[in-house]
Amino acid sequence: MEVERMKEGERGLSFAGTTMSSSSSSLRGLAISLLLLFFFFSADEIMCVPDSNYTNNRRVETLKLARIERRLDKINKPAVRTIESPDGDIIDCVPRHKQPALDHPLLKNHKIQKAAPQRPRFKGDRTPINYNASDATRRAWQAWHHVGHCPKGTVPIRRSSVDDVLRAKSLFHFGKKHLGGVPLARKVDAPDVVSGNGHEHAIAYTVNTEEVYGAKATINVWDPSIQVENEFSLSQIWILSGSFDGTDLNSIEAGWQVSPELYGDSRPRLFTYWTSDAYQATGCYNLLCSGFIQTNNRIAIGAAISPVSMLVGYWPAALFTHLSDRATMVEWGGEVVNTRPHGEHTSTQMGSGRFAEEGFGRASYFRNLEVVDSDNSLTSSRAIATMAENSKCYDIKSFSNADWGTYFYYGGPGNNPHCP
């Protein structure tokens, strides 16, 4: 997984990913049935009340649906080709210059950067593995590739549905992290931690780093179980800058996540996220709002993941107040939402659902943690610290060796006899 600053043409922040494959059965029929049942039962319930209330409630339902459809019209752009994936996703091949990102007012005159930036050079004792780009492209299969491909000049966008929006807390919250307005709490040299709203982490983070221009790591992918629909489990890289105790925190994020509320299933999926105001109003997951510009026509962000190693897209520098130039901190690791269902800690798993001490083959890991410095060189991140808010539920242990550089195991099962 790599997140890097653009080095050529207009400045921006680019994203490239390395993940592992996953498969699951199609949910297309189930999704359509749920949509029909929702409206059927809504109408049935309305018919059981007096006529005046029926009219008013029907008007509310109509207005709500109209607002949802207007939002979806902004996200689901006209496609030159539509692909029905075997796993239930619908992938629209949208002309690159008509993708949702360019609706952002700050990107009105943005020229899409088609060429990938110069990749950072590794500077250190370890000799990095070089992957052949053409071979990686041929291996980069997601489920929808089995039935079609997007033409040159287009980008694949996972279509959002009315059902996707209805699963969200509200139309405003659709595609956003649910932080409930709780401010970020941060001590000096401590990481980005959201306190008091159920978000729990097990992360490693850089210390004493003044200028960061990108980050990289190799991670493995699992399918953690999620206890209730409005919880999630993710593993990602954060690149951060700005004030951690205010509202101007800038963050770009990429990794894999399992989120039944967002996607309607429990498959691990490739995702991105961004914010320029500490998650208050700006930014979103994937392409669910304007901002992130996709350039690759083979990888669908938000789709179930497969082996991937190529440039996917970038965040233009104009979106940010601090990250437009450099970052001040990088974080790697896992995050879950704990809503305490039934009054107990959630059993939603982080990573593989195993604690760090179980090690290779059982616990989830990040290895070869690296950052990009000012001369576009990758260096091993030796000065890191680790943190887990509740180590009885999810924990983390870091190590270092010649092959894996700086690395760590992390995760956990959530609710257990020792997890309060």
Protein backbone atom coordinates (compact mmCIF):
# COMPACT_ATOMS: atom_id res chain seq x y z
CA MET A 1 0.00 0.00 0.00
CA GLU A 2 1.50 3.32 -1.00
CA VAL A 3 0.33 6.90 -0.59
CA GLU A 4 2.64 9.43 -2.19
CA ARG A 5 2.81 13.09 -3.09
CA MET A 6 2.64 13.89 -6.80
CA LYS A 7 6.06 15.03 -8.03
CA GLU A 8 5.31 15.99 -11.63
CA GLY A 9 2.85 18.47 -13.13
CA GLU A 10 0.28 19.96 -10.78
CA ARG A 11 0.86 18.98 -7.18
CA GLY A 12 -1.40 16.49 -5.52
CA LEU A 13 -1.40 13.36 -3.39
CA SER A 14 -1.50 10.03 -5.17
CA PHE A 15 -2.53 6.58 -4.09
CA ALA A 16 -1.32 3.15 -5.14
CA GLY A 17 -2.31 -0.08 -3.44
CA THR A 18 -1.08 -3.61 -2.77
CA THR A 19 -3.69 -6.02 -1.45
CA MET A 20 -4.78 -9.66 -1.45
CA SER A 21 -7.79 -11.36 -2.99
CA SER A 22 -11.17 -12.24 -1.56
CA SER A 23 -14.35 -13.78 -2.93
CA SER A 24 -18.01 -14.04 -1.97
CA SER A 25 -21.39 -14.88 -3.45
CA SER A 26 -23.53 -12.39 -5.35
CA LEU A 27 -25.91 -10.16 -3.37
CA ARG A 28 -27.63 -8.56 -6.35
CA GLY A 29 -30.97 -10.37 -5.97
CA LEU A 30 -31.06 -9.77 -2.22
CA ALA A 31 -30.35 -6.06 -2.62
CA ILE A 32 -33.20 -5.64 -5.12
CA SER A 33 -35.60 -7.59 -2.88
CA LEU A 34 -34.77 -5.42 0.10
CA LEU A 35 -35.40 -2.29 -1.91
CA LEU A 36 -38.84 -3.52 -3.01
CA LEU A 37 -39.72 -4.70 0.50
CA PHE A 38 -38.77 -1.34 2.00
CA PHE A 39 -41.22 0.57 -0.12
CA PHE A 40 -43.89 -2.12 0.16
CA PHE A 41 -43.89 -2.09 3.95
CA SER A 42 -43.66 1.69 4.11
CA ALA A 43 -46.79 2.01 1.98
CA ASP A 44 -48.58 -0.71 3.99
CA GLU A 45 -47.88 1.04 7.27
CA ILE A 46 -49.08 4.36 5.91
CA MET A 47 -52.38 2.85 4.78
CA CYS A 48 -53.18 1.89 8.40
CA VAL A 49 -53.48 5.55 9.53
CA PRO A 50 -56.07 8.25 8.77
CA ASP A 51 -56.17 9.73 5.28
CA SER A 52 -54.61 13.10 6.24
CA ASN A 53 -51.62 11.43 7.86
CA TYR A 54 -51.32 9.07 4.91
CA THR A 55 -51.06 12.05 2.56
CA ASN A 56 -48.49 13.82 4.74
CA ASN A 57 -46.36 10.70 5.26
CA ARG A 58 -46.45 9.87 1.58
CA ARG A 59 -45.25 13.40 0.81
CA VAL A 60 -42.36 12.99 3.29
CA GLU A 61 -41.37 9.66 1.72
CA THR A 62 -41.54 11.18 -1.76
CA LEU A 63 -39.42 14.17 -0.77
CA LYS A 64 -36.86 11.91 0.95
CA LEU A 65 -36.60 9.70 -2.10
CA ALA A 66 -36.26 12.75 -4.35
CA ARG A 67 -33.35 14.07 -2.24
CA ILE A 68 -31.65 10.68 -2.34
CA GLU A 69 -32.04 10.44 -6.10
CA ARG A 70 -30.59 13.94 -6.59
CA ARG A 71 -27.56 12.92 -4.52
CA LEU A 72 -27.15 9.70 -6.49
CA ASP A 73 -27.37 11.63 -9.78
CA LYS A 74 -24.28 13.56 -8.68
CA ILE A 75 -22.36 10.39 -7.81
CA ASN A 76 -23.53 7.99 -10.52
CA LYS A 77 -22.33 9.70 -13.68
CA PRO A 78 -23.51 8.62 -17.16
CA ALA A 79 -21.48 5.61 -18.26
CA VAL A 80 -20.25 4.49 -21.67
CA ARG A 81 -20.35 0.89 -20.43
CA THR A 82 -21.96 -0.80 -17.43
CA ILE A 83 -20.67 -4.08 -16.00
CA GLU A 84 -22.66 -6.32 -13.64
CA SER A 85 -20.07 -8.00 -11.45
CA PRO A 86 -20.52 -11.62 -10.31
CA ASP A 87 -20.20 -10.42 -6.70
CA GLY A 88 -23.22 -8.13 -7.01
CA ASP A 89 -21.51 -4.80 -7.71
CA ILE A 90 -22.48 -2.68 -10.68
CA ILE A 91 -19.46 -0.97 -12.22
CA ASP A 92 -19.98 2.05 -14.45
CA CYS A 93 -17.24 3.00 -16.91
CA VAL A 94 -17.37 6.80 -16.75
CA PRO A 95 -15.36 9.13 -19.02
CA ARG A 96 -12.34 10.26 -17.01
CA HIS A 97 -13.14 13.94 -17.50
CA LYS A 98 -16.73 13.48 -16.21
CA GLN A 99 -15.97 11.69 -12.92
CA PRO A 100 -17.44 13.03 -9.64
CA ALA A 101 -14.15 14.53 -8.40
CA LEU A 102 -14.32 17.36 -10.90
CA ASP A 103 -17.61 18.65 -9.44
CA HIS A 104 -15.61 20.09 -6.55
CA PRO A 105 -15.54 23.93 -6.78
CA LEU A 106 -11.79 23.98 -6.13
CA LEU A 107 -11.22 21.67 -9.11
CA LYS A 108 -13.23 23.62 -11.66
CA ASN A 109 -10.20 24.19 -13.90
CA HIS A 110 -8.16 21.17 -12.82
CA LYS A 111 -6.23 19.35 -15.51
CA ILE A 112 -6.15 15.62 -14.81
CA GLN A 113 -2.62 14.27 -14.41
CA LYS A 114 -2.55 11.15 -16.57
CA ALA A 115 1.10 10.25 -16.06
CA ALA A 116 2.15 8.64 -12.81
CA PRO A 117 4.62 10.59 -10.67
CA GLN A 118 8.18 9.43 -10.38
CA ARG A 119 8.23 6.62 -7.84
CA PRO A 120 10.36 7.27 -4.75
CA ARG A 121 13.78 5.61 -4.74
CA PHE A 122 14.57 3.33 -1.81
CA LYS A 123 17.43 4.59 0.35
CA GLY A 124 18.67 2.08 2.90
CA ASP A 125 20.25 -1.29 3.50
CA ARG A 126 17.36 -3.40 2.25
CA THR A 127 17.04 -4.00 -1.48
CA PRO A 128 13.36 -3.54 -2.34
CA ILE A 129 11.52 -6.03 -4.54
CA ASN A 130 10.80 -4.56 -7.97
CA TYR A 131 7.47 -5.53 -9.49
CA ASN A 132 7.04 -5.43 -13.26
CA ALA A 133 4.19 -3.01 -13.97
CA SER A 134 2.80 -4.96 -16.93
CA ASP A 135 2.79 -8.22 -14.94
CA ALA A 136 1.04 -6.47 -12.05
CA THR A 137 -1.56 -5.13 -14.44
CA ARG A 138 -2.31 -8.59 -15.79
CA ARG A 139 -2.65 -9.97 -12.26
CA ALA A 140 -4.83 -7.11 -11.02
CA TRP A 141 -8.18 -8.88 -11.29
CA GLN A 142 -11.24 -7.81 -9.37
CA ALA A 143 -14.45 -9.84 -9.66
CA TRP A 144 -15.98 -7.54 -12.29
CA HIS A 145 -13.04 -8.21 -14.63
CA HIS A 146 -14.44 -11.67 -15.30
CA VAL A 147 -17.32 -10.16 -17.29
CA GLY A 148 -15.80 -7.02 -18.79
CA HIS A 149 -13.33 -4.14 -18.72
CA CYS A 150 -13.58 -0.38 -18.88
CA PRO A 151 -12.43 1.21 -22.16
CA LYS A 152 -9.40 3.46 -22.34
CA GLY A 153 -10.23 7.01 -21.29
CA THR A 154 -12.77 5.88 -18.69
CA VAL A 155 -12.57 5.01 -14.99
CA PRO A 156 -14.52 2.25 -13.20
CA ILE A 157 -16.88 3.57 -10.52
CA ARG A 158 -18.93 1.33 -8.24
CA ARG A 159 -22.53 2.45 -8.62
CA SER A 160 -24.28 3.63 -5.45
CA SER A 161 -27.91 2.67 -4.86
CA VAL A 162 -30.88 3.92 -2.86
CA ASP A 163 -30.29 0.99 -0.51
CA ASP A 164 -26.72 2.20 0.13
CA VAL A 165 -28.01 5.61 1.21
CA LEU A 166 -30.84 4.20 3.34
CA ARG A 167 -28.34 2.18 5.39
CA ALA A 168 -26.60 5.40 6.42
CA LYS A 169 -27.63 7.41 9.46
CA SER A 170 -28.78 10.22 7.17
CA LEU A 171 -28.16 11.59 3.71
CA PHE A 172 -25.52 13.93 5.17
CA HIS A 173 -23.70 11.01 6.80
CA PHE A 174 -23.72 8.83 3.68
CA GLY A 175 -20.12 8.05 2.74
CA LYS A 176 -18.63 9.77 5.81
CA LYS A 177 -17.03 8.55 9.00
CA HIS A 178 -19.45 8.80 11.92
CA LEU A 179 -17.64 10.94 14.48
CA GLY A 180 -20.66 12.53 16.12
CA GLY A 181 -19.01 15.94 16.39
CA VAL A 182 -16.58 14.69 19.06
CA PRO A 183 -13.32 16.67 18.74
CA LEU A 184 -10.01 14.96 18.15
CA ALA A 185 -7.97 14.53 21.30
CA ARG A 186 -4.20 14.67 20.91
CA LYS A 187 -1.24 15.02 23.21
CA VAL A 188 2.19 16.15 22.07
CA ASP A 189 3.78 13.47 19.86
CA ALA A 190 0.66 11.28 20.15
CA PRO A 191 -1.30 10.10 17.14
CA ASP A 192 -4.65 11.04 15.66
CA VAL A 193 -7.11 9.46 18.09
CA VAL A 194 -10.84 10.05 18.15
CA SER A 195 -11.99 9.89 21.76
CA GLY A 196 -15.34 9.05 23.29
CA ASN A 197 -17.26 7.96 20.21
CA GLY A 198 -16.49 4.28 19.99
CA HIS A 199 -13.55 4.35 17.57
CA GLU A 200 -10.74 2.10 18.79
CA HIS A 201 -7.28 1.76 17.25
CA ALA A 202 -4.14 -0.35 17.28
CA ILE A 203 -1.58 1.69 15.36
CA ALA A 204 2.06 2.55 14.82
CA TYR A 205 2.99 6.17 14.13
CA THR A 206 6.04 8.23 13.26
CA VAL A 207 7.76 10.33 15.91
CA ASN A 208 10.20 13.22 15.49
CA THR A 209 9.47 13.53 11.78
CA GLU A 210 9.30 17.09 10.52
CA GLU A 211 8.65 16.59 6.82
CA VAL A 212 6.90 13.62 5.22
CA TYR A 213 6.02 13.40 1.54
CA GLY A 214 4.52 9.92 1.39
CA ALA A 215 4.39 6.52 3.05
CA LYS A 216 4.42 2.87 2.12
CA ALA A 217 3.82 -0.54 3.70
CA THR A 218 2.93 -4.09 2.77
CA ILE A 219 -0.16 -5.39 4.55
CA ASN A 220 -2.13 -8.62 4.54
CA VAL A 221 -5.88 -8.74 4.15
CA TRP A 222 -8.44 -10.65 6.20
CA ASP A 223 -12.23 -10.79 6.47
CA PRO A 224 -12.97 -9.83 10.10
CA SER A 225 -16.48 -10.44 11.39
CA ILE A 226 -18.65 -7.41 12.17
CA GLN A 227 -21.19 -7.75 14.99
CA VAL A 228 -23.73 -5.09 13.93
CA GLU A 229 -24.32 -3.29 10.64
CA ASN A 230 -23.25 0.19 11.74
CA GLU A 231 -19.80 -0.95 12.93
CA PHE A 232 -16.74 -1.44 10.71
CA SER A 233 -13.22 -2.82 10.77
CA LEU A 234 -10.41 -1.39 8.67
CA SER A 235 -6.66 -1.44 8.18
CA GLN A 236 -5.06 1.57 6.57
CA ILE A 237 -2.35 4.19 6.23
CA TRP A 238 -3.07 7.72 7.47
CA ILE A 239 -0.99 10.69 6.24
CA LEU A 240 -1.70 13.71 8.43
CA SER A 241 -1.00 17.38 8.89
CA GLY A 242 -2.61 20.30 10.65
CA SER A 243 -3.96 20.89 14.12
CA PHE A 244 -5.09 17.83 16.06
CA ASP A 245 -7.05 19.88 18.62
CA GLY A 246 -8.89 22.08 16.14
CA THR A 247 -10.89 21.72 12.95
CA ASP A 248 -8.16 22.05 10.31
CA LEU A 249 -6.69 18.54 10.48
CA ASN A 250 -5.87 17.25 6.98
CA SER A 251 -5.85 13.50 6.41
CA ILE A 252 -5.60 11.18 3.41
CA GLU A 253 -6.21 7.51 4.02
CA ALA A 254 -6.12 4.26 2.07
CA GLY A 255 -6.41 0.57 2.88
CA TRP A 256 -9.03 -2.16 3.16
CA GLN A 257 -12.20 -2.26 5.20
CA VAL A 258 -15.26 -4.35 5.99
CA SER A 259 -18.33 -2.13 6.41
CA PRO A 260 -21.82 -3.66 6.04
CA GLU A 261 -23.44 -0.24 6.40
CA LEU A 262 -21.42 1.32 3.61
CA TYR A 263 -21.35 -1.58 1.14
CA GLY A 264 -24.22 -3.86 2.13
CA ASP A 265 -22.03 -6.92 2.69
CA SER A 266 -19.07 -8.18 4.71
CA ARG A 267 -16.42 -8.51 2.01
CA PRO A 268 -13.07 -6.69 2.47
CA ARG A 269 -12.88 -3.82 0.01
CA LEU A 270 -10.25 -1.36 -1.19
CA PHE A 271 -11.04 2.15 0.03
CA THR A 272 -9.79 5.72 0.26
CA TYR A 273 -10.82 8.59 2.52
CA TRP A 274 -9.92 12.27 2.87
CA THR A 275 -10.77 15.29 5.00
CA SER A 276 -9.45 18.83 5.29
CA ASP A 277 -11.42 19.85 8.40
CA ALA A 278 -11.00 17.05 10.95
CA TYR A 279 -13.86 14.97 9.52
CA GLN A 280 -16.45 17.66 10.19
CA ALA A 281 -17.87 18.37 6.73
CA THR A 282 -15.30 17.79 3.98
CA GLY A 283 -14.29 14.54 2.36
CA CYS A 284 -15.75 11.06 2.12
CA TYR A 285 -15.03 7.44 1.36
CA ASN A 286 -13.97 6.48 -2.14
CA LEU A 287 -15.74 8.49 -4.87
CA LEU A 288 -18.90 9.24 -2.87
CA CYS A 289 -18.21 12.96 -3.07
CA SER A 290 -16.06 15.18 -5.27
CA GLY A 291 -12.34 15.33 -4.52
CA PHE A 292 -10.35 12.15 -5.22
CA ILE A 293 -9.44 11.91 -8.91
CA GLN A 294 -9.26 8.40 -10.33
CA THR A 295 -6.88 7.79 -13.23
CA ASN A 296 -6.74 3.98 -13.48
CA ASN A 297 -9.29 2.14 -15.63
CA ARG A 298 -8.72 -1.32 -14.10
CA ILE A 299 -9.24 -0.83 -10.36
CA ALA A 300 -12.62 0.09 -8.89
CA ILE A 301 -12.27 1.79 -5.51
CA GLY A 302 -14.85 0.38 -3.13
CA ALA A 303 -14.90 -2.99 -4.93
CA ALA A 304 -13.82 -6.26 -3.36
CA ILE A 305 -10.05 -6.41 -3.48
CA SER A 306 -7.64 -8.52 -5.51
CA PRO A 307 -3.84 -8.35 -5.95
CA VAL A 308 -3.18 -4.75 -6.93
CA SER A 309 0.02 -2.74 -7.44
CA MET A 310 -0.42 0.32 -9.62
CA LEU A 311 -1.30 3.99 -9.49
CA VAL A 312 -5.02 4.36 -8.86
CA GLY A 313 -5.51 8.12 -8.58
CA TYR A 314 -4.72 11.19 -6.51
CA TRP A 315 -6.03 13.99 -4.33
CA PRO A 316 -5.29 17.42 -5.87
CA ALA A 317 -3.33 19.73 -3.57
CA ALA A 318 -6.04 22.39 -3.90
CA LEU A 319 -8.30 20.40 -1.56
CA PHE A 320 -6.04 20.87 1.45
CA THR A 321 -4.71 23.59 3.71
CA HIS A 322 -1.69 21.70 5.11
CA LEU A 323 -1.21 18.53 3.06
CA SER A 324 -0.87 20.60 -0.10
CA ASP A 325 2.83 20.83 0.76
CA ARG A 326 3.87 18.11 3.21
CA ALA A 327 2.70 15.92 6.08
CA THR A 328 3.86 15.88 9.68
CA MET A 329 2.81 12.37 10.73
CA VAL A 330 2.13 8.93 9.28
CA GLU A 331 0.10 6.20 10.94
CA TRP A 332 -0.31 2.53 10.03
CA GLY A 333 -2.74 0.12 11.61
CA GLY A 334 -6.29 -0.90 12.40
CA GLU A 335 -9.48 0.79 13.52
CA VAL A 336 -12.91 -0.48 14.54
CA VAL A 337 -16.15 1.10 15.69
CA ASN A 338 -17.46 -0.18 19.02
CA THR A 339 -21.13 0.73 19.55
CA ARG A 340 -21.34 -1.55 22.62
CA PRO A 341 -24.30 -3.61 21.41
CA HIS A 342 -26.30 -5.11 24.30
CA GLY A 343 -24.23 -2.98 26.69
CA GLU A 344 -21.03 -4.94 26.14
CA HIS A 345 -17.88 -4.34 24.13
CA THR A 346 -18.44 -5.31 20.51
CA SER A 347 -17.18 -8.61 19.16
CA THR A 348 -16.29 -6.91 15.87
CA GLN A 349 -12.80 -8.15 15.01
CA MET A 350 -9.77 -6.09 14.04
CA GLY A 351 -7.39 -7.50 11.43
CA SER A 352 -7.62 -11.29 11.54
CA GLY A 353 -9.37 -11.26 14.90
CA ARG A 354 -6.19 -12.57 16.57
CA PHE A 355 -3.96 -10.76 19.06
CA ALA A 356 -0.49 -9.64 17.99
CA GLU A 357 1.29 -12.31 20.05
CA GLU A 358 -0.07 -15.06 17.77
CA GLY A 359 2.32 -13.87 15.08
CA PHE A 360 2.80 -14.85 11.46
CA GLY A 361 0.01 -16.77 9.77
CA ARG A 362 -2.53 -15.89 12.44
CA ALA A 363 -2.24 -12.22 13.37
CA SER A 364 -2.58 -9.39 10.85
CA TYR A 365 0.56 -7.39 10.03
CA PHE A 366 2.05 -4.32 8.39
CA ARG A 367 5.64 -4.77 7.22
CA ASN A 368 8.38 -2.67 5.60
CA LEU A 369 7.07 0.61 7.00
CA GLU A 370 8.65 3.38 4.95
CA VAL A 371 8.25 7.13 4.46
CA VAL A 372 9.17 9.42 1.57
CA ASP A 373 11.54 12.29 2.36
CA SER A 374 12.06 15.64 0.66
CA ASP A 375 14.33 14.26 -2.09
CA ASN A 376 11.73 11.63 -3.07
CA SER A 377 13.55 8.77 -1.35
CA LEU A 378 11.96 5.95 0.62
CA THR A 379 13.56 5.29 3.99
CA SER A 380 12.71 2.73 6.63
CA SER A 381 10.61 4.12 9.50
CA ARG A 382 12.73 3.16 12.46
CA ALA A 383 11.47 5.88 14.84
CA ILE A 384 7.93 4.73 15.50
CA ALA A 385 5.73 4.39 18.55
CA THR A 386 2.69 2.16 19.01
CA MET A 387 -0.65 2.71 20.68
CA ALA A 388 -3.81 0.73 21.46
CA GLU A 389 -6.56 2.38 23.52
CA ASN A 390 -7.81 -0.95 24.87
CA SER A 391 -5.12 -3.61 24.66
CA LYS A 392 -7.37 -6.26 26.25
CA CYS A 393 -9.59 -6.02 23.16
CA TYR A 394 -7.10 -5.14 20.39
CA ASP A 395 -3.32 -4.85 20.68
CA ILE A 396 -0.13 -4.22 18.71
CA LYS A 397 3.54 -5.29 18.95
CA SER A 398 6.34 -3.87 16.78
CA PHE A 399 9.61 -5.47 15.66
CA SER A 400 12.46 -5.01 13.18
CA ASN A 401 14.62 -7.31 11.08
CA ALA A 402 16.56 -7.32 7.81
CA ASP A 403 13.80 -8.77 5.62
CA TRP A 404 10.69 -7.03 6.95
CA GLY A 405 12.35 -3.82 8.11
CA THR A 406 10.13 -2.13 10.69
CA TYR A 407 6.94 -4.14 11.11
CA PHE A 408 4.18 -4.97 13.55
CA TYR A 409 1.43 -7.45 14.31
CA TYR A 410 -1.90 -6.08 15.48
CA GLY A 411 -5.59 -6.85 15.97
CA GLY A 412 -7.86 -8.79 18.26
CA PRO A 413 -11.29 -10.33 18.77
CA GLY A 414 -12.97 -7.49 20.60
CA ASN A 415 -15.27 -8.91 23.26
CA ASN A 416 -13.61 -11.64 25.33
CA PRO A 417 -13.34 -12.49 29.04
CA HIS A 418 -10.60 -9.87 29.51
CA CYS A 419 -12.14 -7.15 27.31
CA PRO A 420 -14.46 -4.94 29.41
